[in-house]
Amino acid sequence: MTHIERSVLINAPVEKVFDYIAEPNNLVKWVHNCLEVNEVVPEGTLREGTTYREAMKLPAGIKIKCVTRISKYERPFKLDFESPFAGTYLSFAHTLEPKDNGTLVTEIGDYTMPGGILGKAMDKLYMKGVITGNLEHTVENLKAVMESGQTEP
C-alpha cells in the first residue's frame, strides 16, 4: 500500500469546509481530476455508506469510472471515501481541525496497485507521481474555492 499525505490551512470554519467536501456534487469544483458525479445513493442526507458514481481523468486523456463510498462520516472532523476500480483500491481520509481561526484539512490517500511486481514497478515509476500531483492540486483547489466565497450552488 502506498501512502500520501497533504495538509492545507483554509480560512473558513470547520463546519463549512466539512459540509462542502462532504457533498459529492461539489467534487468537480475542487478534486483536481474529477470530471462528473452522479447517481448518489441514497438521495438526501449524506452518511456512512452513501455511494456515488464518478468519472475521473487520468493522464494521457484516459477516463475511468468508479463507484465511491463514504466510509466514515463524523461531522465536522472526519470524512473518508473509498473507491475500488480495475483492481486498484483507493481510499482518501480527510481530517479537519480548527486552527488559527480557520480549518486545517489533512487529506491522506492510500492505494494499492494490482499486478504484483509489475504493479509495484508501475507505481514507483508512474502512479505515485500522478496521485501525489493530483492530491497536491486537490488540496490547493479546495483552499482556493473555500476562500473565494464561491461555495454556494
N, C-alpha and C. Protein backbone atom coordinates (compact mmCIF):
# COMPACT_ATOMS: atom_id res chain seq x y z
N MET A 1 0.85 -1.18 0.00
CA MET A 1 0.00 0.00 0.00
C MET A 1 0.89 1.23 0.00
N THR A 2 0.54 2.21 -0.80
CA THR A 2 1.26 3.47 -0.87
C THR A 2 0.46 4.53 -0.12
N HIS A 3 1.17 5.37 0.61
CA HIS A 3 0.56 6.37 1.49
C HIS A 3 1.04 7.76 1.08
N ILE A 4 0.09 8.68 0.89
CA ILE A 4 0.41 10.07 0.54
C ILE A 4 -0.40 10.97 1.46
N GLU A 5 0.22 12.02 1.96
CA GLU A 5 -0.48 12.92 2.88
C GLU A 5 -0.16 14.37 2.55
N ARG A 6 -1.20 15.21 2.54
CA ARG A 6 -1.04 16.64 2.30
C ARG A 6 -2.00 17.38 3.22
N SER A 7 -1.57 18.57 3.67
CA SER A 7 -2.42 19.41 4.53
C SER A 7 -2.48 20.82 3.97
N VAL A 8 -3.55 21.51 4.31
CA VAL A 8 -3.72 22.89 3.90
C VAL A 8 -4.54 23.61 4.98
N LEU A 9 -4.17 24.85 5.26
CA LEU A 9 -4.92 25.67 6.20
C LEU A 9 -5.86 26.56 5.39
N ILE A 10 -7.15 26.45 5.69
CA ILE A 10 -8.18 27.18 4.96
C ILE A 10 -8.82 28.21 5.88
N ASN A 11 -8.97 29.41 5.38
CA ASN A 11 -9.58 30.49 6.15
C ASN A 11 -11.10 30.39 6.07
N ALA A 12 -11.64 29.37 6.74
CA ALA A 12 -13.09 29.14 6.78
C ALA A 12 -13.39 28.24 7.98
N PRO A 13 -14.59 28.33 8.54
CA PRO A 13 -14.96 27.50 9.69
C PRO A 13 -15.00 26.01 9.33
N VAL A 14 -14.66 25.18 10.29
CA VAL A 14 -14.57 23.74 10.07
C VAL A 14 -15.89 23.14 9.56
N GLU A 15 -17.03 23.59 10.09
CA GLU A 15 -18.32 23.04 9.66
C GLU A 15 -18.59 23.35 8.18
N LYS A 16 -18.25 24.57 7.77
CA LYS A 16 -18.46 24.96 6.38
C LYS A 16 -17.58 24.14 5.44
N VAL A 17 -16.32 23.94 5.82
CA VAL A 17 -15.41 23.15 4.99
C VAL A 17 -15.90 21.70 4.92
N PHE A 18 -16.27 21.13 6.05
CA PHE A 18 -16.75 19.75 6.07
C PHE A 18 -17.97 19.59 5.17
N ASP A 19 -18.96 20.44 5.34
CA ASP A 19 -20.19 20.32 4.56
C ASP A 19 -19.90 20.45 3.06
N TYR A 20 -18.95 21.28 2.70
CA TYR A 20 -18.62 21.44 1.29
C TYR A 20 -17.95 20.18 0.72
N ILE A 21 -16.96 19.65 1.42
CA ILE A 21 -16.27 18.47 0.88
C ILE A 21 -17.12 17.22 0.97
N ALA A 22 -18.09 17.19 1.89
CA ALA A 22 -18.93 16.00 2.03
C ALA A 22 -19.96 15.89 0.92
N GLU A 23 -20.27 16.97 0.24
CA GLU A 23 -21.28 16.95 -0.82
C GLU A 23 -20.66 16.46 -2.13
N PRO A 24 -21.05 15.24 -2.58
CA PRO A 24 -20.45 14.69 -3.80
C PRO A 24 -20.55 15.61 -5.02
N ASN A 25 -21.64 16.36 -5.14
CA ASN A 25 -21.79 17.23 -6.31
C ASN A 25 -20.78 18.37 -6.35
N ASN A 26 -20.09 18.63 -5.24
CA ASN A 26 -19.05 19.67 -5.23
C ASN A 26 -17.70 19.14 -5.71
N LEU A 27 -17.54 17.83 -5.81
CA LEU A 27 -16.23 17.26 -6.13
C LEU A 27 -15.64 17.81 -7.43
N VAL A 28 -16.47 18.03 -8.44
CA VAL A 28 -15.94 18.53 -9.72
C VAL A 28 -15.37 19.94 -9.58
N LYS A 29 -15.70 20.63 -8.50
CA LYS A 29 -15.21 22.00 -8.31
C LYS A 29 -13.85 22.05 -7.62
N TRP A 30 -13.49 20.97 -6.89
CA TRP A 30 -12.23 21.04 -6.15
C TRP A 30 -11.33 19.83 -6.30
N VAL A 31 -11.84 18.67 -6.67
CA VAL A 31 -10.98 17.49 -6.87
C VAL A 31 -10.37 17.61 -8.26
N HIS A 32 -9.08 17.68 -8.29
CA HIS A 32 -8.31 18.01 -9.50
C HIS A 32 -8.70 17.22 -10.74
N ASN A 33 -8.93 15.93 -10.61
CA ASN A 33 -9.17 15.11 -11.80
C ASN A 33 -10.59 14.54 -11.88
N CYS A 34 -11.53 15.12 -11.13
CA CYS A 34 -12.92 14.65 -11.17
C CYS A 34 -13.67 15.36 -12.30
N LEU A 35 -14.27 14.57 -13.18
CA LEU A 35 -15.00 15.11 -14.33
C LEU A 35 -16.49 15.22 -14.08
N GLU A 36 -17.07 14.23 -13.40
CA GLU A 36 -18.51 14.26 -13.13
C GLU A 36 -18.85 13.33 -11.98
N VAL A 37 -19.97 13.63 -11.34
CA VAL A 37 -20.50 12.82 -10.25
C VAL A 37 -21.98 12.64 -10.51
N ASN A 38 -22.48 11.42 -10.34
CA ASN A 38 -23.92 11.18 -10.48
C ASN A 38 -24.33 9.96 -9.68
N GLU A 39 -25.60 9.68 -9.69
CA GLU A 39 -26.20 8.52 -9.03
C GLU A 39 -25.81 8.40 -7.56
N VAL A 40 -26.05 9.48 -6.80
CA VAL A 40 -25.81 9.45 -5.36
C VAL A 40 -26.91 8.62 -4.71
N VAL A 41 -26.52 7.58 -3.96
CA VAL A 41 -27.49 6.68 -3.33
C VAL A 41 -27.13 6.51 -1.85
N PRO A 42 -28.02 6.69 -0.91
CA PRO A 42 -29.38 7.18 -1.11
C PRO A 42 -29.36 8.69 -1.29
N GLU A 43 -30.39 9.21 -1.92
CA GLU A 43 -30.51 10.66 -2.07
C GLU A 43 -30.85 11.27 -0.72
N GLY A 44 -30.54 12.52 -0.57
CA GLY A 44 -30.88 13.20 0.69
C GLY A 44 -29.69 13.29 1.60
N THR A 45 -29.87 12.97 2.86
CA THR A 45 -28.83 13.12 3.87
C THR A 45 -27.64 12.22 3.59
N LEU A 46 -26.46 12.80 3.56
CA LEU A 46 -25.24 12.02 3.38
C LEU A 46 -24.88 11.35 4.69
N ARG A 47 -24.30 10.17 4.56
CA ARG A 47 -23.91 9.41 5.76
C ARG A 47 -22.94 8.33 5.35
N GLU A 48 -22.41 7.64 6.35
CA GLU A 48 -21.57 6.48 6.08
C GLU A 48 -22.36 5.50 5.23
N GLY A 49 -21.74 5.01 4.17
CA GLY A 49 -22.40 4.06 3.29
C GLY A 49 -22.98 4.68 2.02
N THR A 50 -23.12 6.01 1.98
CA THR A 50 -23.60 6.66 0.77
C THR A 50 -22.62 6.37 -0.36
N THR A 51 -23.15 6.05 -1.54
CA THR A 51 -22.30 5.80 -2.70
C THR A 51 -22.67 6.76 -3.84
N TYR A 52 -21.73 6.93 -4.74
CA TYR A 52 -21.98 7.71 -5.95
C TYR A 52 -21.01 7.26 -7.03
N ARG A 53 -21.41 7.51 -8.24
CA ARG A 53 -20.55 7.20 -9.39
C ARG A 53 -19.82 8.46 -9.79
N GLU A 54 -18.56 8.29 -10.14
CA GLU A 54 -17.81 9.43 -10.62
C GLU A 54 -16.92 9.04 -11.79
N ALA A 55 -16.66 10.01 -12.63
CA ALA A 55 -15.73 9.83 -13.74
C ALA A 55 -14.48 10.64 -13.42
N MET A 56 -13.34 10.01 -13.59
CA MET A 56 -12.07 10.65 -13.28
C MET A 56 -11.21 10.70 -14.54
N LYS A 57 -10.39 11.73 -14.64
CA LYS A 57 -9.48 11.89 -15.76
C LYS A 57 -8.08 11.51 -15.31
N LEU A 58 -7.46 10.58 -16.03
CA LEU A 58 -6.08 10.20 -15.77
C LEU A 58 -5.19 10.83 -16.84
N PRO A 59 -3.89 10.78 -16.65
CA PRO A 59 -3.00 11.31 -17.68
C PRO A 59 -3.26 10.64 -19.03
N ALA A 60 -2.81 11.30 -20.08
CA ALA A 60 -2.98 10.84 -21.46
C ALA A 60 -4.44 10.80 -21.87
N GLY A 61 -5.30 11.55 -21.15
CA GLY A 61 -6.70 11.63 -21.53
C GLY A 61 -7.53 10.41 -21.21
N ILE A 62 -7.00 9.50 -20.42
CA ILE A 62 -7.74 8.30 -20.06
C ILE A 62 -8.83 8.67 -19.06
N LYS A 63 -10.05 8.20 -19.33
CA LYS A 63 -11.19 8.46 -18.45
C LYS A 63 -11.61 7.14 -17.81
N ILE A 64 -11.75 7.14 -16.49
CA ILE A 64 -12.22 5.94 -15.79
C ILE A 64 -13.48 6.29 -15.03
N LYS A 65 -14.30 5.29 -14.80
CA LYS A 65 -15.50 5.45 -13.98
C LYS A 65 -15.37 4.51 -12.79
N CYS A 66 -15.84 4.96 -11.66
CA CYS A 66 -15.79 4.14 -10.46
C CYS A 66 -16.95 4.48 -9.54
N VAL A 67 -17.19 3.61 -8.60
CA VAL A 67 -18.19 3.84 -7.56
C VAL A 67 -17.42 4.16 -6.29
N THR A 68 -17.76 5.30 -5.69
CA THR A 68 -17.10 5.73 -4.47
C THR A 68 -18.09 5.63 -3.32
N ARG A 69 -17.60 5.23 -2.16
CA ARG A 69 -18.44 5.06 -0.98
C ARG A 69 -17.88 5.91 0.16
N ILE A 70 -18.77 6.60 0.87
CA ILE A 70 -18.35 7.30 2.08
C ILE A 70 -18.18 6.25 3.17
N SER A 71 -16.95 6.07 3.62
CA SER A 71 -16.66 5.00 4.59
C SER A 71 -16.63 5.51 6.03
N LYS A 72 -16.49 6.81 6.21
CA LYS A 72 -16.57 7.39 7.56
C LYS A 72 -17.13 8.80 7.43
N TYR A 73 -18.12 9.10 8.26
CA TYR A 73 -18.79 10.40 8.24
C TYR A 73 -19.00 10.84 9.67
N GLU A 74 -18.08 11.66 10.19
CA GLU A 74 -18.16 12.15 11.56
C GLU A 74 -18.07 13.66 11.53
N ARG A 75 -19.21 14.29 11.22
CA ARG A 75 -19.27 15.74 11.07
C ARG A 75 -18.90 16.43 12.37
N PRO A 76 -18.05 17.41 12.35
CA PRO A 76 -17.37 18.06 11.24
C PRO A 76 -15.88 17.76 11.16
N PHE A 77 -15.43 16.63 11.74
CA PHE A 77 -13.99 16.42 11.86
C PHE A 77 -13.39 15.29 11.03
N LYS A 78 -14.19 14.37 10.50
CA LYS A 78 -13.62 13.21 9.82
C LYS A 78 -14.53 12.78 8.68
N LEU A 79 -13.95 12.61 7.50
CA LEU A 79 -14.70 12.18 6.33
C LEU A 79 -13.78 11.34 5.45
N ASP A 80 -14.16 10.10 5.22
CA ASP A 80 -13.34 9.19 4.43
C ASP A 80 -14.13 8.63 3.26
N PHE A 81 -13.43 8.38 2.16
CA PHE A 81 -14.02 7.80 0.95
C PHE A 81 -13.18 6.60 0.53
N GLU A 82 -13.81 5.62 -0.10
CA GLU A 82 -13.05 4.52 -0.70
C GLU A 82 -13.61 4.26 -2.09
N SER A 83 -12.69 3.85 -2.98
CA SER A 83 -13.07 3.73 -4.37
C SER A 83 -12.24 2.65 -5.07
N PRO A 84 -12.75 1.43 -5.13
CA PRO A 84 -12.03 0.39 -5.87
C PRO A 84 -12.37 0.46 -7.36
N PHE A 85 -11.37 0.27 -8.22
CA PHE A 85 -11.63 0.19 -9.66
C PHE A 85 -10.47 -0.54 -10.33
N ALA A 86 -10.80 -1.36 -11.30
CA ALA A 86 -9.81 -2.07 -12.14
C ALA A 86 -8.69 -2.70 -11.32
N GLY A 87 -9.03 -3.30 -10.19
CA GLY A 87 -8.03 -3.96 -9.37
C GLY A 87 -7.25 -3.03 -8.46
N THR A 88 -7.48 -1.75 -8.57
CA THR A 88 -6.81 -0.75 -7.72
C THR A 88 -7.78 -0.37 -6.61
N TYR A 89 -7.24 -0.18 -5.43
CA TYR A 89 -8.06 0.25 -4.30
C TYR A 89 -7.54 1.60 -3.82
N LEU A 90 -8.40 2.61 -3.80
CA LEU A 90 -8.05 3.95 -3.32
C LEU A 90 -8.88 4.29 -2.10
N SER A 91 -8.25 4.91 -1.12
CA SER A 91 -9.03 5.47 -0.01
C SER A 91 -8.44 6.85 0.29
N PHE A 92 -9.34 7.78 0.59
CA PHE A 92 -8.94 9.13 0.94
C PHE A 92 -9.59 9.49 2.26
N ALA A 93 -8.78 9.83 3.24
CA ALA A 93 -9.25 10.21 4.57
C ALA A 93 -9.04 11.71 4.73
N HIS A 94 -10.06 12.39 5.22
CA HIS A 94 -9.99 13.83 5.47
C HIS A 94 -10.18 14.07 6.96
N THR A 95 -9.22 14.73 7.55
CA THR A 95 -9.32 15.13 8.95
C THR A 95 -9.35 16.65 8.97
N LEU A 96 -10.31 17.21 9.68
CA LEU A 96 -10.46 18.66 9.76
C LEU A 96 -10.34 19.07 11.22
N GLU A 97 -9.56 20.11 11.47
CA GLU A 97 -9.44 20.61 12.83
C GLU A 97 -9.36 22.13 12.84
N PRO A 98 -10.06 22.75 13.80
CA PRO A 98 -9.98 24.21 13.91
C PRO A 98 -8.55 24.63 14.23
N LYS A 99 -8.06 25.65 13.52
CA LYS A 99 -6.71 26.13 13.77
C LYS A 99 -6.59 27.56 13.26
N ASP A 100 -6.03 28.43 14.09
CA ASP A 100 -5.75 29.81 13.70
C ASP A 100 -6.95 30.48 13.02
N ASN A 101 -8.13 30.38 13.61
CA ASN A 101 -9.36 30.97 13.07
C ASN A 101 -9.75 30.40 11.71
N GLY A 102 -9.27 29.23 11.39
CA GLY A 102 -9.61 28.57 10.13
C GLY A 102 -9.71 27.08 10.35
N THR A 103 -9.45 26.33 9.31
CA THR A 103 -9.55 24.87 9.37
C THR A 103 -8.31 24.26 8.73
N LEU A 104 -7.65 23.40 9.48
CA LEU A 104 -6.55 22.62 8.93
C LEU A 104 -7.14 21.33 8.37
N VAL A 105 -7.03 21.16 7.06
CA VAL A 105 -7.53 19.96 6.39
C VAL A 105 -6.32 19.10 6.04
N THR A 106 -6.34 17.86 6.51
CA THR A 106 -5.31 16.90 6.13
C THR A 106 -5.99 15.83 5.30
N GLU A 107 -5.49 15.62 4.10
CA GLU A 107 -6.02 14.59 3.22
C GLU A 107 -4.94 13.51 3.09
N ILE A 108 -5.35 12.28 3.37
CA ILE A 108 -4.45 11.14 3.28
C ILE A 108 -4.98 10.20 2.23
N GLY A 109 -4.15 9.90 1.28
CA GLY A 109 -4.50 8.94 0.23
C GLY A 109 -3.71 7.67 0.41
N ASP A 110 -4.39 6.56 0.43
CA ASP A 110 -3.76 5.24 0.46
C ASP A 110 -4.27 4.46 -0.73
N TYR A 111 -3.40 3.74 -1.40
CA TYR A 111 -3.85 2.95 -2.54
C TYR A 111 -2.96 1.74 -2.74
N THR A 112 -3.53 0.75 -3.38
CA THR A 112 -2.78 -0.44 -3.79
C THR A 112 -2.97 -0.63 -5.28
N MET A 113 -1.92 -1.06 -5.93
CA MET A 113 -1.94 -1.33 -7.36
C MET A 113 -2.01 -2.85 -7.56
N PRO A 114 -2.72 -3.30 -8.59
CA PRO A 114 -2.74 -4.72 -8.90
C PRO A 114 -1.46 -5.10 -9.66
N GLY A 115 -1.21 -6.38 -9.80
CA GLY A 115 -0.15 -6.83 -10.69
C GLY A 115 1.15 -7.24 -10.05
N GLY A 116 1.18 -7.49 -8.75
CA GLY A 116 2.39 -7.99 -8.11
C GLY A 116 3.60 -7.09 -8.36
N ILE A 117 4.70 -7.68 -8.80
CA ILE A 117 5.95 -6.95 -9.02
C ILE A 117 5.78 -5.90 -10.11
N LEU A 118 5.08 -6.24 -11.17
CA LEU A 118 4.85 -5.29 -12.26
C LEU A 118 4.04 -4.08 -11.76
N GLY A 119 3.02 -4.34 -10.95
CA GLY A 119 2.22 -3.26 -10.38
C GLY A 119 3.05 -2.37 -9.48
N LYS A 120 3.95 -2.96 -8.67
CA LYS A 120 4.81 -2.17 -7.79
C LYS A 120 5.77 -1.30 -8.61
N ALA A 121 6.29 -1.85 -9.70
CA ALA A 121 7.18 -1.07 -10.56
C ALA A 121 6.42 0.08 -11.21
N MET A 122 5.22 -0.20 -11.70
CA MET A 122 4.39 0.84 -12.32
C MET A 122 4.08 1.94 -11.32
N ASP A 123 3.84 1.54 -10.06
CA ASP A 123 3.56 2.51 -9.01
C ASP A 123 4.76 3.43 -8.81
N LYS A 124 5.93 2.85 -8.61
CA LYS A 124 7.13 3.66 -8.34
C LYS A 124 7.51 4.55 -9.52
N LEU A 125 7.36 4.03 -10.73
CA LEU A 125 7.78 4.78 -11.90
C LEU A 125 6.77 5.82 -12.37
N TYR A 126 5.48 5.61 -12.03
CA TYR A 126 4.46 6.45 -12.64
C TYR A 126 3.33 6.86 -11.71
N MET A 127 2.60 5.91 -11.16
CA MET A 127 1.35 6.21 -10.45
C MET A 127 1.54 7.06 -9.21
N LYS A 128 2.59 6.81 -8.44
CA LYS A 128 2.77 7.59 -7.22
C LYS A 128 2.90 9.08 -7.55
N GLY A 129 3.62 9.40 -8.61
CA GLY A 129 3.75 10.80 -9.03
C GLY A 129 2.43 11.39 -9.47
N VAL A 130 1.65 10.61 -10.21
CA VAL A 130 0.34 11.07 -10.69
C VAL A 130 -0.59 11.33 -9.50
N ILE A 131 -0.69 10.37 -8.61
CA ILE A 131 -1.61 10.51 -7.47
C ILE A 131 -1.13 11.60 -6.52
N THR A 132 0.18 11.71 -6.30
CA THR A 132 0.71 12.78 -5.44
C THR A 132 0.39 14.14 -6.04
N GLY A 133 0.61 14.30 -7.35
CA GLY A 133 0.29 15.57 -8.01
C GLY A 133 -1.18 15.91 -7.92
N ASN A 134 -2.05 14.91 -8.14
CA ASN A 134 -3.49 15.15 -8.03
C ASN A 134 -3.87 15.58 -6.62
N LEU A 135 -3.29 14.94 -5.62
CA LEU A 135 -3.62 15.28 -4.23
C LEU A 135 -3.15 16.70 -3.90
N GLU A 136 -1.95 17.07 -4.36
CA GLU A 136 -1.46 18.42 -4.11
C GLU A 136 -2.36 19.47 -4.77
N HIS A 137 -2.74 19.24 -6.02
CA HIS A 137 -3.65 20.17 -6.71
C HIS A 137 -5.00 20.21 -6.02
N THR A 138 -5.48 19.07 -5.55
CA THR A 138 -6.80 18.99 -4.94
C THR A 138 -6.87 19.82 -3.66
N VAL A 139 -5.89 19.71 -2.77
CA VAL A 139 -5.96 20.48 -1.52
C VAL A 139 -5.81 21.98 -1.81
N GLU A 140 -5.00 22.34 -2.80
CA GLU A 140 -4.88 23.75 -3.17
C GLU A 140 -6.17 24.27 -3.80
N ASN A 141 -6.82 23.43 -4.64
CA ASN A 141 -8.11 23.81 -5.21
C ASN A 141 -9.14 24.03 -4.11
N LEU A 142 -9.17 23.13 -3.13
CA LEU A 142 -10.12 23.26 -2.03
C LEU A 142 -9.91 24.59 -1.31
N LYS A 143 -8.68 24.91 -1.01
CA LYS A 143 -8.38 26.18 -0.34
C LYS A 143 -8.86 27.35 -1.19
N ALA A 144 -8.56 27.34 -2.47
CA ALA A 144 -8.95 28.44 -3.35
C ALA A 144 -10.47 28.59 -3.43
N VAL A 145 -11.18 27.49 -3.57
CA VAL A 145 -12.64 27.54 -3.67
C VAL A 145 -13.25 28.03 -2.36
N MET A 146 -12.80 27.48 -1.24
CA MET A 146 -13.38 27.86 0.05
C MET A 146 -13.11 29.32 0.37
N GLU A 147 -11.93 29.81 0.04
CA GLU A 147 -11.58 31.19 0.38
C GLU A 147 -12.11 32.20 -0.63
N SER A 148 -12.56 31.73 -1.79
CA SER A 148 -13.11 32.63 -2.79
C SER A 148 -14.55 33.05 -2.48
N GLY A 149 -15.19 32.27 -1.61
CA GLY A 149 -16.59 32.54 -1.29
C GLY A 149 -17.56 31.97 -2.31
N GLN A 150 -17.06 31.20 -3.25
CA GLN A 150 -17.90 30.63 -4.31
C GLN A 150 -18.29 29.19 -4.00
N THR A 151 -18.72 28.95 -2.79
CA THR A 151 -19.08 27.60 -2.38
C THR A 151 -20.56 27.31 -2.45
N GLU A 152 -21.34 28.31 -2.80
CA GLU A 152 -22.79 28.10 -2.90
C GLU A 152 -23.11 27.48 -4.26
N PRO A 153 -24.20 26.67 -4.33
CA PRO A 153 -24.55 26.02 -5.61
C PRO A 153 -24.90 27.03 -6.69
